[in-house]
C-alpha atoms as a PDB file:
ATOM      1  CA  GLN A   1     -16.553 -12.235  -3.594  1.00  0.00           C
ATOM      2  CA  VAL A   2     -13.350 -10.342  -4.242  1.00  0.00           C
ATOM      3  CA  GLN A   3     -12.140  -8.154  -1.408  1.00  0.00           C
ATOM      4  CA  LEU A   4      -9.103  -6.055  -0.638  1.00  0.00           C
ATOM      5  CA  VAL A   5      -9.214  -4.565   2.826  1.00  0.00           C
ATOM      6  CA  GLU A   6      -6.612  -2.074   3.975  1.00  0.00           C
ATOM      7  CA  SER A   7      -5.880  -1.425   7.621  1.00  0.00           C
ATOM      8  CA  GLY A   8      -3.244   0.151   9.805  1.00  0.00           C
ATOM      9  CA  GLY A   9      -3.744   3.804   8.969  1.00  0.00           C
ATOM     10  CA  GLY A  10      -4.036   6.512  11.565  1.00  0.00           C
ATOM     11  CA  LEU A  11      -2.549   9.675  12.994  1.00  0.00           C
ATOM     12  CA  VAL A  12       1.199   9.744  13.562  1.00  0.00           C
ATOM     13  CA  GLN A  13       3.726  12.433  14.360  1.00  0.00           C
ATOM     14  CA  PRO A  14       6.402  13.429  11.851  1.00  0.00           C
ATOM     15  CA  GLY A  15       9.242  10.956  11.968  1.00  0.00           C
ATOM     16  CA  GLY A  16       6.967   8.182  13.137  1.00  0.00           C
ATOM     17  CA  SER A  17       6.104   4.846  11.579  1.00  0.00           C
ATOM     18  CA  LEU A  18       3.050   2.952  10.459  1.00  0.00           C
ATOM     19  CA  ARG A  19       2.534  -0.433   8.889  1.00  0.00           C
ATOM     20  CA  LEU A  20      -0.333  -0.765   6.447  1.00  0.00           C
ATOM     21  CA  SER A  21      -1.844  -4.147   5.664  1.00  0.00           C
ATOM     22  CA  CYS A  22      -3.903  -5.253   2.696  1.00  0.00           C
ATOM     23  CA  ALA A  23      -5.887  -8.454   3.223  1.00  0.00           C
ATOM     24  CA  ALA A  24      -7.077 -10.173   0.054  1.00  0.00           C
ATOM     25  CA  SER A  25      -9.841 -12.697  -0.461  1.00  0.00           C
ATOM     26  CA  GLY A  26     -11.902 -14.124  -3.273  1.00  0.00           C
ATOM     27  CA  PHE A  27      -9.080 -14.549  -5.773  1.00  0.00           C
ATOM     28  CA  THR A  28      -5.726 -16.293  -6.104  1.00  0.00           C
ATOM     29  CA  PHE A  29      -3.593 -13.691  -4.391  1.00  0.00           C
ATOM     30  CA  SER A  30      -0.274 -15.333  -5.226  1.00  0.00           C
ATOM     31  CA  THR A  31      -0.798 -14.753  -8.956  1.00  0.00           C
ATOM     32  CA  TYR A  32      -1.424 -11.004  -8.688  1.00  0.00           C
ATOM     33  CA  THR A  33       0.997  -8.119  -8.743  1.00  0.00           C
ATOM     34  CA  MET A  34       0.421  -5.828  -5.792  1.00  0.00           C
ATOM     35  CA  ARG A  35       0.779  -2.073  -5.571  1.00  0.00           C
ATOM     36  CA  TRP A  36       0.166   0.664  -3.049  1.00  0.00           C
ATOM     37  CA  TYR A  37      -1.131   4.046  -4.161  1.00  0.00           C
ATOM     38  CA  ARG A  38      -2.032   7.196  -2.314  1.00  0.00           C
ATOM     39  CA  GLN A  39      -4.211  10.199  -2.969  1.00  0.00           C
ATOM     40  CA  ALA A  40      -4.189  13.460  -1.091  1.00  0.00           C
ATOM     41  CA  PRO A  41      -7.103  15.912  -1.247  1.00  0.00           C
ATOM     42  CA  GLY A  42      -7.087  17.822  -4.507  1.00  0.00           C
ATOM     43  CA  LYS A  43      -4.298  15.712  -5.974  1.00  0.00           C
ATOM     44  CA  GLU A  44      -4.128  12.823  -8.404  1.00  0.00           C
ATOM     45  CA  ARG A  45      -3.672   9.304  -7.174  1.00  0.00           C
ATOM     46  CA  GLU A  46      -0.003   8.347  -7.279  1.00  0.00           C
ATOM     47  CA  LEU A  47       1.855   5.071  -7.255  1.00  0.00           C
ATOM     48  CA  VAL A  48       3.817   4.579  -4.049  1.00  0.00           C
ATOM     49  CA  ALA A  49       5.258   1.076  -4.321  1.00  0.00           C
ATOM     50  CA  GLY A  50       4.866  -2.189  -6.181  1.00  0.00           C
ATOM     51  CA  ILE A  51       5.858  -5.794  -5.651  1.00  0.00           C
ATOM     52  CA  SER A  52       5.994  -8.722  -8.024  1.00  0.00           C
ATOM     53  CA  ILE A  53       4.128 -12.000  -7.633  1.00  0.00           C
ATOM     54  CA  THR A  54       6.960 -13.730  -5.815  1.00  0.00           C
ATOM     55  CA  GLY A  55       8.118 -10.646  -3.975  1.00  0.00           C
ATOM     56  CA  GLY A  56      11.457 -10.728  -5.733  1.00  0.00           C
ATOM     57  CA  THR A  57      11.049  -7.353  -7.391  1.00  0.00           C
ATOM     58  CA  THR A  58       9.980  -4.144  -5.708  1.00  0.00           C
ATOM     59  CA  THR A  59       9.667  -0.599  -6.986  1.00  0.00           C
ATOM     60  CA  TYR A  60       9.189   2.705  -5.204  1.00  0.00           C
ATOM     61  CA  ALA A  61       8.316   6.273  -5.953  1.00  0.00           C
ATOM     62  CA  ASP A  62      11.311   8.541  -5.524  1.00  0.00           C
ATOM     63  CA  SER A  63       9.509  10.386  -2.758  1.00  0.00           C
ATOM     64  CA  VAL A  64       9.393   7.295  -0.511  1.00  0.00           C
ATOM     65  CA  LYS A  65      12.604   5.448  -1.408  1.00  0.00           C
ATOM     66  CA  GLY A  66      14.598   4.555   1.657  1.00  0.00           C
ATOM     67  CA  ARG A  67      11.630   5.192   3.959  1.00  0.00           C
ATOM     68  CA  PHE A  68       8.905   2.789   2.812  1.00  0.00           C
ATOM     69  CA  THR A  69       9.123  -0.958   2.303  1.00  0.00           C
ATOM     70  CA  ILE A  70       6.569  -3.057   0.460  1.00  0.00           C
ATOM     71  CA  SER A  71       6.258  -6.761   1.168  1.00  0.00           C
ATOM     72  CA  ARG A  72       3.819  -9.614   0.764  1.00  0.00           C
ATOM     73  CA  ASP A  73       3.000 -12.931   2.360  1.00  0.00           C
ATOM     74  CA  ASN A  74       1.318 -15.187  -0.162  1.00  0.00           C
ATOM     75  CA  ALA A  75       0.541 -17.755   2.527  1.00  0.00           C
ATOM     76  CA  LYS A  76      -1.500 -15.115   4.349  1.00  0.00           C
ATOM     77  CA  ASN A  77      -2.965 -13.498   1.214  1.00  0.00           C
ATOM     78  CA  SER A  78      -1.652 -10.178   2.393  1.00  0.00           C
ATOM     79  CA  ALA A  79       0.509  -7.281   1.319  1.00  0.00           C
ATOM     80  CA  TYR A  80       2.126  -4.697   3.549  1.00  0.00           C
ATOM     81  CA  LEU A  81       3.603  -1.234   3.431  1.00  0.00           C
ATOM     82  CA  GLN A  82       6.019  -0.384   6.203  1.00  0.00           C
ATOM     83  CA  MET A  83       6.327   3.385   6.412  1.00  0.00           C
ATOM     84  CA  ASN A  84       9.155   4.918   8.421  1.00  0.00           C
ATOM     85  CA  GLY A  85      10.310   8.496   8.725  1.00  0.00           C
ATOM     86  CA  LEU A  86       6.855   9.776   7.920  1.00  0.00           C
ATOM     87  CA  LYS A  87       6.496  13.371   6.768  1.00  0.00           C
ATOM     88  CA  PRO A  88       3.458  15.661   6.664  1.00  0.00           C
ATOM     89  CA  GLU A  89       3.476  15.360   2.876  1.00  0.00           C
ATOM     90  CA  ASP A  90       2.822  11.628   3.234  1.00  0.00           C
ATOM     91  CA  THR A  91      -0.659  12.456   4.489  1.00  0.00           C
ATOM     92  CA  SER A  92      -3.082  10.730   2.108  1.00  0.00           C
ATOM     93  CA  VAL A  93      -5.571   7.960   1.707  1.00  0.00           C
ATOM     94  CA  TYR A  94      -3.589   4.822   0.884  1.00  0.00           C
ATOM     95  CA  TYR A  95      -4.998   2.166  -1.412  1.00  0.00           C
ATOM     96  CA  CYS A  96      -3.825  -1.291  -2.324  1.00  0.00           C
ATOM     97  CA  ARG A  97      -4.332  -2.701  -5.785  1.00  0.00           C
ATOM     98  CA  ALA A  98      -4.100  -6.228  -7.132  1.00  0.00           C
ATOM     99  CA  PHE A  99      -3.904  -6.862 -10.833  1.00  0.00           C
ATOM    100  CA  SER A 100      -3.263  -9.715 -13.213  1.00  0.00           C
ATOM    101  CA  GLY A 101      -3.873  -9.306 -16.901  1.00  0.00           C
ATOM    102  CA  PHE A 102      -7.303  -7.760 -17.279  1.00  0.00           C
ATOM    103  CA  ARG A 103      -8.311  -8.431 -13.660  1.00  0.00           C
ATOM    104  CA  ASP A 104      -7.849  -5.370 -11.499  1.00  0.00           C
ATOM    105  CA  TYR A 105      -9.014  -4.937  -7.896  1.00  0.00           C
ATOM    106  CA  TRP A 106      -8.785  -2.029  -5.481  1.00  0.00           C
ATOM    107  CA  GLY A 107      -9.316  -1.657  -1.767  1.00  0.00           C
ATOM    108  CA  GLN A 108     -11.385   1.050  -0.134  1.00  0.00           C
ATOM    109  CA  GLY A 109      -8.406   2.921   1.282  1.00  0.00           C
ATOM    110  CA  THR A 110      -7.053   3.777   4.703  1.00  0.00           C
ATOM    111  CA  GLN A 111      -6.290   7.297   5.921  1.00  0.00           C
ATOM    112  CA  VAL A 112      -2.780   8.194   6.995  1.00  0.00           C
ATOM    113  CA  THR A 113      -2.305  11.566   8.648  1.00  0.00           C
ATOM    114  CA  VAL A 114       1.120  12.835   9.620  1.00  0.00           C
ATOM    115  CA  SER A 115       0.882  15.804  11.921  1.00  0.00           C
ATOM    116  CA  SER A 116       2.240  17.134  15.174  1.00  0.00           C
END
């Protein structure tokens, strides 16, 4: 049974930090590209960050560059999104995605709310 389970979301003040985790099971995690997306109410889902199979290549949306860091630990079948300098506009549901060829899996999302 394939599963992607996000965790680590919550309420944080502007300028604060959160670390999201994405725990994978049921497939060979180390052969899948990983990405984090987010979707705010009334908005389209947007790509936040991506990381290659080995972790050697990372990409970021312009809106999070310099503040967010994506990483993965293939030994732990997990991906992470370290979010620093959070802003109210970062408030969204955050999703992780694993894909390889025609195989494409999504997590259920974790809410991040940035508010004072």
